């Protein structure tokens, strides 16, 4: 797995978090010990009274990126940068998530490993979302499709490949909505809705109905070679991408969803283990306590 020679690092920080300035400056100083330049994106810099660089330019000139915040900060950083194939080093500042496992102290101790190339690059798949008259979007966790009025029942049709061929109909979903999840997102909204957990680097994705009106409507795991098209044939709807970007869907508007061929790369410690993360976060393997 090719690892970049690191001369410049770009930092993205959770929005409106001026209290994270000290952590950013600590990272800047630590990388500076190895004569590595650290820059911050212009939006993040506003919180710190720091002059930043436009995000597109920052991504272009940086060899690796750092997301400082939580899972949400990593999600937004990944969607901005994945086309440039820049590895991301996620650092949490607050609640520990499934994706971001290192705090600032751990990260500062790990900087030398990054500089010397002693780390793993973990590849994570994204969903590609194609609209009729809107720029394509990408999701690292999941896509959620619902009725325009979230409290109303959704009727969602899902086809293989194209929405126009009846013989390609996969299923009709009646319920609160439909989650289309990557393996990364399988431990997020999908998990809370009864969907399965997938190993992060699997080439597959999940369709999980939310509160379906039939016991036969169960989650299904699809291989990455299968592309789907979803539509709400009777009503307008909403589509949420990683819980951060929400768009209106017109009645009958087709949305094509597939696994994108370019993964993102996350910098991990050489001993990072996904199953350890499951045991820690979900309390797997714990003993049953007597009352």
C-alpha atoms as a PDB file:
ATOM      1  CA  UNK A   1       0.000   0.000   0.000  1.00  0.00           C
ATOM      2  CA  UNK A   2       1.632   3.264  -1.144  1.00  0.00           C
ATOM      3  CA  UNK A   3       2.135   5.853   1.576  1.00  0.00           C
ATOM      4  CA  UNK A   4       2.837   9.487   0.721  1.00  0.00           C
ATOM      5  CA  UNK A   5       5.964  11.401   1.634  1.00  0.00           C
ATOM      6  CA  UNK A   6       4.614  14.009   4.026  1.00  0.00           C
ATOM      7  CA  UNK A   7       5.599  17.651   3.617  1.00  0.00           C
ATOM      8  CA  UNK A   8       2.269  19.385   4.228  1.00  0.00           C
ATOM      9  CA  UNK A   9      -0.708  18.515   6.425  1.00  0.00           C
ATOM     10  CA  UNK A  10      -4.201  20.009   6.049  1.00  0.00           C
ATOM     11  CA  UNK A  11      -6.502  20.235   9.079  1.00  0.00           C
ATOM     12  CA  UNK A  12     -10.318  20.338   9.153  1.00  0.00           C
ATOM     13  CA  UNK A  13     -11.925  21.118  12.511  1.00  0.00           C
ATOM     14  CA  UNK A  14     -15.466  20.601  13.780  1.00  0.00           C
ATOM     15  CA  UNK A  15     -17.433  23.801  13.001  1.00  0.00           C
ATOM     16  CA  UNK A  16     -17.879  26.456  15.691  1.00  0.00           C
ATOM     17  CA  UNK A  17     -15.379  24.887  18.087  1.00  0.00           C
ATOM     18  CA  UNK A  18     -13.022  27.652  19.254  1.00  0.00           C
ATOM     19  CA  UNK A  19     -12.055  25.519  22.270  1.00  0.00           C
ATOM     20  CA  UNK A  20     -10.179  23.180  19.903  1.00  0.00           C
ATOM     21  CA  UNK A  21      -7.596  25.835  19.039  1.00  0.00           C
ATOM     22  CA  UNK A  22      -5.115  24.532  21.620  1.00  0.00           C
ATOM     23  CA  UNK A  23      -5.348  21.041  20.123  1.00  0.00           C
ATOM     24  CA  UNK A  24      -4.793  22.386  16.615  1.00  0.00           C
ATOM     25  CA  UNK A  25      -1.751  24.381  17.782  1.00  0.00           C
ATOM     26  CA  UNK A  26      -0.366  21.305  19.566  1.00  0.00           C
ATOM     27  CA  UNK A  27      -0.636  19.323  16.318  1.00  0.00           C
ATOM     28  CA  UNK A  28       0.985  22.146  14.383  1.00  0.00           C
ATOM     29  CA  UNK A  29       3.907  22.247  16.818  1.00  0.00           C
ATOM     30  CA  UNK A  30       4.346  18.464  16.862  1.00  0.00           C
ATOM     31  CA  UNK A  31       4.461  18.165  13.069  1.00  0.00           C
ATOM     32  CA  UNK A  32       6.718  21.216  13.035  1.00  0.00           C
ATOM     33  CA  UNK A  33       9.240  19.207  15.048  1.00  0.00           C
ATOM     34  CA  UNK A  34       9.690  17.195  11.832  1.00  0.00           C
ATOM     35  CA  UNK A  35       9.750  20.298   9.588  1.00  0.00           C
ATOM     36  CA  UNK A  36       6.280  19.537   8.273  1.00  0.00           C
ATOM     37  CA  UNK A  37       3.992  22.442   7.387  1.00  0.00           C
ATOM     38  CA  UNK A  38       0.483  22.414   8.875  1.00  0.00           C
ATOM     39  CA  UNK A  39      -2.385  24.505   7.461  1.00  0.00           C
ATOM     40  CA  UNK A  40      -6.053  24.830   8.380  1.00  0.00           C
ATOM     41  CA  UNK A  41      -9.041  25.279   6.088  1.00  0.00           C
ATOM     42  CA  UNK A  42     -10.505  28.773   5.951  1.00  0.00           C
ATOM     43  CA  UNK A  43     -13.865  27.881   7.548  1.00  0.00           C
ATOM     44  CA  UNK A  44     -12.182  26.166  10.501  1.00  0.00           C
ATOM     45  CA  UNK A  45      -9.695  29.002  10.850  1.00  0.00           C
ATOM     46  CA  UNK A  46     -12.463  31.525  11.497  1.00  0.00           C
ATOM     47  CA  UNK A  47     -13.159  29.875  14.864  1.00  0.00           C
ATOM     48  CA  UNK A  48      -9.510  30.345  15.857  1.00  0.00           C
ATOM     49  CA  UNK A  49      -8.824  33.778  14.341  1.00  0.00           C
ATOM     50  CA  UNK A  50      -6.377  31.964  12.082  1.00  0.00           C
ATOM     51  CA  UNK A  51      -5.907  32.704   8.390  1.00  0.00           C
ATOM     52  CA  UNK A  52      -6.854  29.511   6.604  1.00  0.00           C
ATOM     53  CA  UNK A  53      -6.761  28.182   3.070  1.00  0.00           C
ATOM     54  CA  UNK A  54      -9.768  27.452   0.864  1.00  0.00           C
ATOM     55  CA  UNK A  55     -10.716  23.799   1.352  1.00  0.00           C
ATOM     56  CA  UNK A  56     -10.190  22.754  -2.285  1.00  0.00           C
ATOM     57  CA  UNK A  57      -6.738  24.349  -2.390  1.00  0.00           C
ATOM     58  CA  UNK A  58      -5.845  22.940   1.032  1.00  0.00           C
ATOM     59  CA  UNK A  59      -6.750  19.423  -0.071  1.00  0.00           C
ATOM     60  CA  UNK A  60      -4.774  19.865  -3.284  1.00  0.00           C
ATOM     61  CA  UNK A  61      -1.525  20.994  -1.601  1.00  0.00           C
ATOM     62  CA  UNK A  62      -1.640  18.627   1.398  1.00  0.00           C
ATOM     63  CA  UNK A  63      -0.129  15.152   1.513  1.00  0.00           C
ATOM     64  CA  UNK A  64      -2.450  13.979   4.290  1.00  0.00           C
ATOM     65  CA  UNK A  65      -5.476  15.478   6.031  1.00  0.00           C
ATOM     66  CA  UNK A  66      -6.506  15.581   9.675  1.00  0.00           C
ATOM     67  CA  UNK A  67     -10.122  15.723  10.844  1.00  0.00           C
ATOM     68  CA  UNK A  68     -10.315  17.111  14.377  1.00  0.00           C
ATOM     69  CA  UNK A  69     -13.743  16.651  15.940  1.00  0.00           C
ATOM     70  CA  UNK A  70     -15.738  13.454  15.737  1.00  0.00           C
ATOM     71  CA  UNK A  71     -17.339  11.049  13.286  1.00  0.00           C
ATOM     72  CA  UNK A  72     -19.266  13.910  11.665  1.00  0.00           C
ATOM     73  CA  UNK A  73     -16.086  15.891  10.993  1.00  0.00           C
ATOM     74  CA  UNK A  74     -14.524  12.829   9.389  1.00  0.00           C
ATOM     75  CA  UNK A  75     -17.616  12.289   7.227  1.00  0.00           C
ATOM     76  CA  UNK A  76     -17.568  15.849   5.876  1.00  0.00           C
ATOM     77  CA  UNK A  77     -13.781  15.777   5.352  1.00  0.00           C
ATOM     78  CA  UNK A  78     -14.049  12.492   3.456  1.00  0.00           C
ATOM     79  CA  UNK A  79     -16.757  13.784   1.106  1.00  0.00           C
ATOM     80  CA  UNK A  80     -14.700  16.887   0.319  1.00  0.00           C
ATOM     81  CA  UNK A  81     -11.421  15.119  -0.305  1.00  0.00           C
ATOM     82  CA  UNK A  82     -11.853  11.557  -1.538  1.00  0.00           C
ATOM     83  CA  UNK A  83     -11.465  12.411  -5.236  1.00  0.00           C
ATOM     84  CA  UNK A  84      -7.943  13.643  -4.462  1.00  0.00           C
ATOM     85  CA  UNK A  85      -7.122  10.371  -2.688  1.00  0.00           C
ATOM     86  CA  UNK A  86      -5.567  12.014   0.365  1.00  0.00           C
ATOM     87  CA  UNK A  87      -5.341   9.805   3.488  1.00  0.00           C
ATOM     88  CA  UNK A  88      -7.225  11.143   6.517  1.00  0.00           C
ATOM     89  CA  UNK A  89      -6.022  10.932  10.114  1.00  0.00           C
ATOM     90  CA  UNK A  90      -9.124  11.278  12.348  1.00  0.00           C
ATOM     91  CA  UNK A  91      -8.820  12.644  15.892  1.00  0.00           C
ATOM     92  CA  UNK A  92     -11.762  12.831  18.251  1.00  0.00           C
ATOM     93  CA  UNK A  93     -12.499  15.793  20.476  1.00  0.00           C
ATOM     94  CA  UNK A  94     -15.495  14.886  22.599  1.00  0.00           C
ATOM     95  CA  UNK A  95     -17.504  11.676  22.398  1.00  0.00           C
ATOM     96  CA  UNK A  96     -15.733   8.579  21.130  1.00  0.00           C
ATOM     97  CA  UNK A  97     -17.229   7.300  17.869  1.00  0.00           C
ATOM     98  CA  UNK A  98     -16.930   4.156  15.767  1.00  0.00           C
ATOM     99  CA  UNK A  99     -14.747   5.844  13.150  1.00  0.00           C
ATOM    100  CA  UNK A 100     -12.586   8.169  15.214  1.00  0.00           C
ATOM    101  CA  UNK A 101     -10.664   6.304  17.908  1.00  0.00           C
ATOM    102  CA  UNK A 102      -7.641   8.465  18.805  1.00  0.00           C
ATOM    103  CA  UNK A 103      -7.776  11.448  21.140  1.00  0.00           C
ATOM    104  CA  UNK A 104      -5.335  14.360  20.945  1.00  0.00           C
ATOM    105  CA  UNK A 105      -2.779  12.845  23.345  1.00  0.00           C
ATOM    106  CA  UNK A 106      -2.738   9.574  21.422  1.00  0.00           C
ATOM    107  CA  UNK A 107      -2.501  11.500  18.155  1.00  0.00           C
ATOM    108  CA  UNK A 108       0.463  13.593  19.284  1.00  0.00           C
ATOM    109  CA  UNK A 109       2.301  10.427  20.293  1.00  0.00           C
ATOM    110  CA  UNK A 110       1.443   8.873  16.918  1.00  0.00           C
ATOM    111  CA  UNK A 111       2.763  11.730  14.753  1.00  0.00           C
ATOM    112  CA  UNK A 112       6.241  10.194  14.486  1.00  0.00           C
ATOM    113  CA  UNK A 113       4.674   6.949  13.215  1.00  0.00           C
ATOM    114  CA  UNK A 114       2.871   8.915  10.521  1.00  0.00           C
ATOM    115  CA  UNK A 115       6.027  10.752   9.489  1.00  0.00           C
ATOM    116  CA  UNK A 116       8.031   7.508   9.295  1.00  0.00           C
ATOM    117  CA  UNK A 117       5.260   5.507   7.583  1.00  0.00           C
ATOM    118  CA  UNK A 118       4.539   3.133  10.462  1.00  0.00           C
ATOM    119  CA  UNK A 119       0.755   2.997  10.155  1.00  0.00           C
ATOM    120  CA  UNK A 120      -2.057   1.212   8.332  1.00  0.00           C
ATOM    121  CA  UNK A 121      -4.127   2.649   5.497  1.00  0.00           C
ATOM    122  CA  UNK A 122      -7.668   1.374   5.895  1.00  0.00           C
ATOM    123  CA  UNK A 123      -9.801   1.657   2.770  1.00  0.00           C
ATOM    124  CA  UNK A 124     -13.476   2.536   3.166  1.00  0.00           C
ATOM    125  CA  UNK A 125     -16.091   2.441   0.405  1.00  0.00           C
ATOM    126  CA  UNK A 126     -18.434   5.331  -0.403  1.00  0.00           C
ATOM    127  CA  UNK A 127     -21.876   5.440  -1.968  1.00  0.00           C
ATOM    128  CA  UNK A 128     -22.300   7.413  -5.171  1.00  0.00           C
ATOM    129  CA  UNK A 129     -25.687   9.142  -5.479  1.00  0.00           C
ATOM    130  CA  UNK A 130     -26.788  10.280  -8.950  1.00  0.00           C
ATOM    131  CA  UNK A 131     -29.741  12.611  -9.475  1.00  0.00           C
ATOM    132  CA  UNK A 132     -31.587  13.628 -12.631  1.00  0.00           C
ATOM    133  CA  UNK A 133     -30.888  17.369 -12.495  1.00  0.00           C
ATOM    134  CA  UNK A 134     -28.469  17.816  -9.613  1.00  0.00           C
ATOM    135  CA  UNK A 135     -24.757  17.308  -9.054  1.00  0.00           C
ATOM    136  CA  UNK A 136     -23.843  13.816  -7.893  1.00  0.00           C
ATOM    137  CA  UNK A 137     -23.173  13.340  -4.186  1.00  0.00           C
ATOM    138  CA  UNK A 138     -21.223  10.847  -2.079  1.00  0.00           C
ATOM    139  CA  UNK A 139     -21.829   9.246   1.314  1.00  0.00           C
ATOM    140  CA  UNK A 140     -19.396   7.482   3.627  1.00  0.00           C
ATOM    141  CA  UNK A 141     -22.061   6.296   6.091  1.00  0.00           C
ATOM    142  CA  UNK A 142     -25.514   6.149   4.566  1.00  0.00           C
ATOM    143  CA  UNK A 143     -28.305   7.577   2.471  1.00  0.00           C
ATOM    144  CA  UNK A 144     -31.762   7.922   4.028  1.00  0.00           C
ATOM    145  CA  UNK A 145     -34.889   8.255   1.867  1.00  0.00           C
ATOM    146  CA  UNK A 146     -38.193   9.293   3.451  1.00  0.00           C
ATOM    147  CA  UNK A 147     -41.513  10.962   2.717  1.00  0.00           C
ATOM    148  CA  UNK A 148     -41.285  14.748   2.483  1.00  0.00           C
ATOM    149  CA  UNK A 149     -43.204  14.898   5.771  1.00  0.00           C
ATOM    150  CA  UNK A 150     -41.100  12.640   7.977  1.00  0.00           C
ATOM    151  CA  UNK A 151     -44.049  11.532  10.146  1.00  0.00           C
ATOM    152  CA  UNK A 152     -45.920  10.104   7.145  1.00  0.00           C
ATOM    153  CA  UNK A 153     -45.494   6.611   5.728  1.00  0.00           C
ATOM    154  CA  UNK A 154     -43.163   6.295   2.760  1.00  0.00           C
ATOM    155  CA  UNK A 155     -43.794   4.183  -0.318  1.00  0.00           C
ATOM    156  CA  UNK A 156     -40.406   3.618  -1.950  1.00  0.00           C
ATOM    157  CA  UNK A 157     -39.729   1.464  -4.995  1.00  0.00           C
ATOM    158  CA  UNK A 158     -36.239   0.060  -5.516  1.00  0.00           C
ATOM    159  CA  UNK A 159     -35.038  -1.352  -8.833  1.00  0.00           C
ATOM    160  CA  UNK A 160     -31.852  -2.929 -10.060  1.00  0.00           C
ATOM    161  CA  UNK A 161     -30.019  -0.609 -12.459  1.00  0.00           C
ATOM    162  CA  UNK A 162     -32.862   1.535 -13.856  1.00  0.00           C
ATOM    163  CA  UNK A 163     -36.173   2.668 -12.390  1.00  0.00           C
ATOM    164  CA  UNK A 164     -38.073   2.240 -15.652  1.00  0.00           C
ATOM    165  CA  UNK A 165     -37.936  -1.541 -16.081  1.00  0.00           C
ATOM    166  CA  UNK A 166     -40.632  -3.475 -14.191  1.00  0.00           C
ATOM    167  CA  UNK A 167     -38.681  -6.711 -14.488  1.00  0.00           C
ATOM    168  CA  UNK A 168     -35.853  -5.042 -12.545  1.00  0.00           C
ATOM    169  CA  UNK A 169     -38.043  -4.266  -9.520  1.00  0.00           C
ATOM    170  CA  UNK A 170     -36.248  -5.366  -6.360  1.00  0.00           C
ATOM    171  CA  UNK A 171     -38.855  -4.424  -3.758  1.00  0.00           C
ATOM    172  CA  UNK A 172     -41.617  -2.058  -2.695  1.00  0.00           C
ATOM    173  CA  UNK A 173     -40.940  -0.616   0.756  1.00  0.00           C
ATOM    174  CA  UNK A 174     -43.777   0.673   2.950  1.00  0.00           C
ATOM    175  CA  UNK A 175     -42.702   2.232   6.238  1.00  0.00           C
ATOM    176  CA  UNK A 176     -40.875   5.168   7.780  1.00  0.00           C
ATOM    177  CA  UNK A 177     -38.147   5.172   5.152  1.00  0.00           C
ATOM    178  CA  UNK A 178     -35.214   3.292   3.675  1.00  0.00           C
ATOM    179  CA  UNK A 179     -31.552   3.343   4.731  1.00  0.00           C
ATOM    180  CA  UNK A 180     -28.886   2.526   2.146  1.00  0.00           C
ATOM    181  CA  UNK A 181     -25.696   1.964   4.114  1.00  0.00           C
ATOM    182  CA  UNK A 182     -22.029   1.330   3.435  1.00  0.00           C
ATOM    183  CA  UNK A 183     -20.067  -1.129   5.591  1.00  0.00           C
ATOM    184  CA  UNK A 184     -18.750   1.939   7.440  1.00  0.00           C
ATOM    185  CA  UNK A 185     -22.300   3.129   8.098  1.00  0.00           C
ATOM    186  CA  UNK A 186     -23.452  -0.318   9.191  1.00  0.00           C
ATOM    187  CA  UNK A 187     -22.636   0.621  12.813  1.00  0.00           C
ATOM    188  CA  UNK A 188     -24.568   3.904  12.598  1.00  0.00           C
ATOM    189  CA  UNK A 189     -28.243   4.527  11.696  1.00  0.00           C
ATOM    190  CA  UNK A 190     -28.420   1.104  10.054  1.00  0.00           C
ATOM    191  CA  UNK A 191     -27.531  -0.665  13.309  1.00  0.00           C
ATOM    192  CA  UNK A 192     -30.144   1.219  15.333  1.00  0.00           C
ATOM    193  CA  UNK A 193     -32.749   0.197  12.729  1.00  0.00           C
ATOM    194  CA  UNK A 194     -31.978  -3.513  13.015  1.00  0.00           C
ATOM    195  CA  UNK A 195     -29.547  -3.838  10.117  1.00  0.00           C
ATOM    196  CA  UNK A 196     -26.455  -6.081  10.132  1.00  0.00           C
ATOM    197  CA  UNK A 197     -22.869  -5.050  10.855  1.00  0.00           C
ATOM    198  CA  UNK A 198     -20.475  -5.454   7.921  1.00  0.00           C
ATOM    199  CA  UNK A 199     -16.697  -5.623   8.048  1.00  0.00           C
ATOM    200  CA  UNK A 200     -15.484  -2.138   7.021  1.00  0.00           C
ATOM    201  CA  UNK A 201     -13.546  -3.170   3.916  1.00  0.00           C
ATOM    202  CA  UNK A 202     -16.244  -5.410   2.409  1.00  0.00           C
ATOM    203  CA  UNK A 203     -17.296  -4.585  -1.155  1.00  0.00           C
ATOM    204  CA  UNK A 204     -21.021  -4.493  -0.401  1.00  0.00           C
ATOM    205  CA  UNK A 205     -23.821  -2.333   0.962  1.00  0.00           C
ATOM    206  CA  UNK A 206     -27.096  -2.726   2.853  1.00  0.00           C
ATOM    207  CA  UNK A 207     -30.746  -1.814   2.243  1.00  0.00           C
ATOM    208  CA  UNK A 208     -32.510  -1.521   5.600  1.00  0.00           C
ATOM    209  CA  UNK A 209     -36.217  -0.592   5.810  1.00  0.00           C
ATOM    210  CA  UNK A 210     -37.213   1.616   8.746  1.00  0.00           C
ATOM    211  CA  UNK A 211     -40.235   0.386  10.716  1.00  0.00           C
ATOM    212  CA  UNK A 212     -41.597  -1.567   7.716  1.00  0.00           C
ATOM    213  CA  UNK A 213     -45.301  -2.372   7.551  1.00  0.00           C
ATOM    214  CA  UNK A 214     -44.619  -6.033   6.787  1.00  0.00           C
ATOM    215  CA  UNK A 215     -42.570  -8.660   8.620  1.00  0.00           C
ATOM    216  CA  UNK A 216     -41.223  -9.860   5.262  1.00  0.00           C
ATOM    217  CA  UNK A 217     -39.462  -6.555   4.639  1.00  0.00           C
ATOM    218  CA  UNK A 218     -35.997  -7.377   5.948  1.00  0.00           C
ATOM    219  CA  UNK A 219     -32.535  -5.846   5.422  1.00  0.00           C
ATOM    220  CA  UNK A 220     -30.621  -7.166   2.424  1.00  0.00           C
ATOM    221  CA  UNK A 221     -26.886  -7.050   1.694  1.00  0.00           C
ATOM    222  CA  UNK A 222     -25.976  -6.397  -1.946  1.00  0.00           C
ATOM    223  CA  UNK A 223     -22.595  -6.825  -3.665  1.00  0.00           C
ATOM    224  CA  UNK A 224     -20.902  -3.716  -5.008  1.00  0.00           C
ATOM    225  CA  UNK A 225     -21.487  -4.798  -8.620  1.00  0.00           C
ATOM    226  CA  UNK A 226     -25.259  -4.354  -8.155  1.00  0.00           C
ATOM    227  CA  UNK A 227     -26.511  -0.805  -8.724  1.00  0.00           C
ATOM    228  CA  UNK A 228     -29.940   0.316  -7.577  1.00  0.00           C
ATOM    229  CA  UNK A 229     -32.419   3.019  -8.485  1.00  0.00           C
ATOM    230  CA  UNK A 230     -34.921   4.300  -5.898  1.00  0.00           C
ATOM    231  CA  UNK A 231     -38.002   6.448  -6.322  1.00  0.00           C
ATOM    232  CA  UNK A 232     -41.100   7.607  -4.445  1.00  0.00           C
ATOM    233  CA  UNK A 233     -43.746   7.108  -7.158  1.00  0.00           C
ATOM    234  CA  UNK A 234     -46.672   8.756  -5.355  1.00  0.00           C
ATOM    235  CA  UNK A 235     -45.291  11.601  -3.230  1.00  0.00           C
ATOM    236  CA  UNK A 236     -42.383  14.033  -2.898  1.00  0.00           C
ATOM    237  CA  UNK A 237     -39.629  12.919  -0.550  1.00  0.00           C
ATOM    238  CA  UNK A 238     -36.379  13.798   1.154  1.00  0.00           C
ATOM    239  CA  UNK A 239     -32.934  12.279   0.800  1.00  0.00           C
ATOM    240  CA  UNK A 240     -30.370  12.727   3.577  1.00  0.00           C
ATOM    241  CA  UNK A 241     -26.673  12.113   2.901  1.00  0.00           C
ATOM    242  CA  UNK A 242     -24.619  11.191   5.968  1.00  0.00           C
ATOM    243  CA  UNK A 243     -27.175  13.107   8.037  1.00  0.00           C
ATOM    244  CA  UNK A 244     -25.531  16.360   6.908  1.00  0.00           C
ATOM    245  CA  UNK A 245     -26.868  17.262   3.460  1.00  0.00           C
ATOM    246  CA  UNK A 246     -30.614  17.013   2.800  1.00  0.00           C
ATOM    247  CA  UNK A 247     -32.300  17.399  -0.598  1.00  0.00           C
ATOM    248  CA  UNK A 248     -35.897  17.342  -1.796  1.00  0.00           C
ATOM    249  CA  UNK A 249     -36.987  14.580  -4.158  1.00  0.00           C
ATOM    250  CA  UNK A 250     -39.812  15.252  -6.560  1.00  0.00           C
ATOM    251  CA  UNK A 251     -42.613  12.744  -7.025  1.00  0.00           C
ATOM    252  CA  UNK A 252     -41.299   9.927  -9.234  1.00  0.00           C
ATOM    253  CA  UNK A 253     -37.753  11.340  -9.388  1.00  0.00           C
ATOM    254  CA  UNK A 254     -35.237   8.488  -9.828  1.00  0.00           C
ATOM    255  CA  UNK A 255     -32.096   8.351  -7.680  1.00  0.00           C
ATOM    256  CA  UNK A 256     -29.301   5.985  -8.695  1.00  0.00           C
ATOM    257  CA  UNK A 257     -27.127   4.609  -5.893  1.00  0.00           C
ATOM    258  CA  UNK A 258     -24.007   2.468  -6.193  1.00  0.00           C
ATOM    259  CA  UNK A 259     -20.660   1.764  -4.555  1.00  0.00           C
ATOM    260  CA  UNK A 260     -18.097   4.248  -5.859  1.00  0.00           C
ATOM    261  CA  UNK A 261     -14.893   2.784  -7.260  1.00  0.00           C
ATOM    262  CA  UNK A 262     -12.621   5.183  -5.313  1.00  0.00           C
ATOM    263  CA  UNK A 263     -12.427   4.446  -1.571  1.00  0.00           C
ATOM    264  CA  UNK A 264     -11.172   6.834   1.063  1.00  0.00           C
ATOM    265  CA  UNK A 265      -8.094   5.929   3.077  1.00  0.00           C
ATOM    266  CA  UNK A 266      -8.024   6.323   6.861  1.00  0.00           C
ATOM    267  CA  UNK A 267      -4.754   6.364   8.774  1.00  0.00           C
ATOM    268  CA  UNK A 268      -4.795   3.812  11.587  1.00  0.00           C
ATOM    269  CA  UNK A 269      -2.305   2.488  14.102  1.00  0.00           C
ATOM    270  CA  UNK A 270      -0.500  -0.665  13.041  1.00  0.00           C
ATOM    271  CA  UNK A 271      -2.385  -2.650  15.686  1.00  0.00           C
ATOM    272  CA  UNK A 272      -5.891  -1.254  14.965  1.00  0.00           C
ATOM    273  CA  UNK A 273      -8.521  -4.007  15.074  1.00  0.00           C
ATOM    274  CA  UNK A 274     -12.181  -3.540  14.099  1.00  0.00           C
ATOM    275  CA  UNK A 275     -13.341  -6.359  16.366  1.00  0.00           C
ATOM    276  CA  UNK A 276     -11.687  -4.720  19.359  1.00  0.00           C
ATOM    277  CA  UNK A 277     -13.704  -1.620  18.517  1.00  0.00           C
ATOM    278  CA  UNK A 278     -16.941  -3.637  18.446  1.00  0.00           C
ATOM    279  CA  UNK A 279     -16.199  -5.222  21.802  1.00  0.00           C
ATOM    280  CA  UNK A 280     -15.427  -1.846  23.335  1.00  0.00           C
ATOM    281  CA  UNK A 281     -18.342   0.123  21.905  1.00  0.00           C
ATOM    282  CA  UNK A 282     -21.051  -2.569  21.904  1.00  0.00           C
ATOM    283  CA  UNK A 283     -19.837  -4.354  25.039  1.00  0.00           C
ATOM    284  CA  UNK A 284     -19.479  -7.638  23.169  1.00  0.00           C
ATOM    285  CA  UNK A 285     -17.915 -10.434  25.180  1.00  0.00           C
ATOM    286  CA  UNK A 286     -18.924  -8.897  28.491  1.00  0.00           C
ATOM    287  CA  UNK A 287     -20.175 -11.017  31.340  1.00  0.00           C
ATOM    288  CA  UNK A 288     -23.865 -11.104  32.217  1.00  0.00           C
ATOM    289  CA  UNK A 289     -24.334  -9.393  35.541  1.00  0.00           C
ATOM    290  CA  UNK A 290     -26.550 -10.968  38.185  1.00  0.00           C
ATOM    291  CA  UNK A 291     -29.306  -8.770  39.527  1.00  0.00           C
END
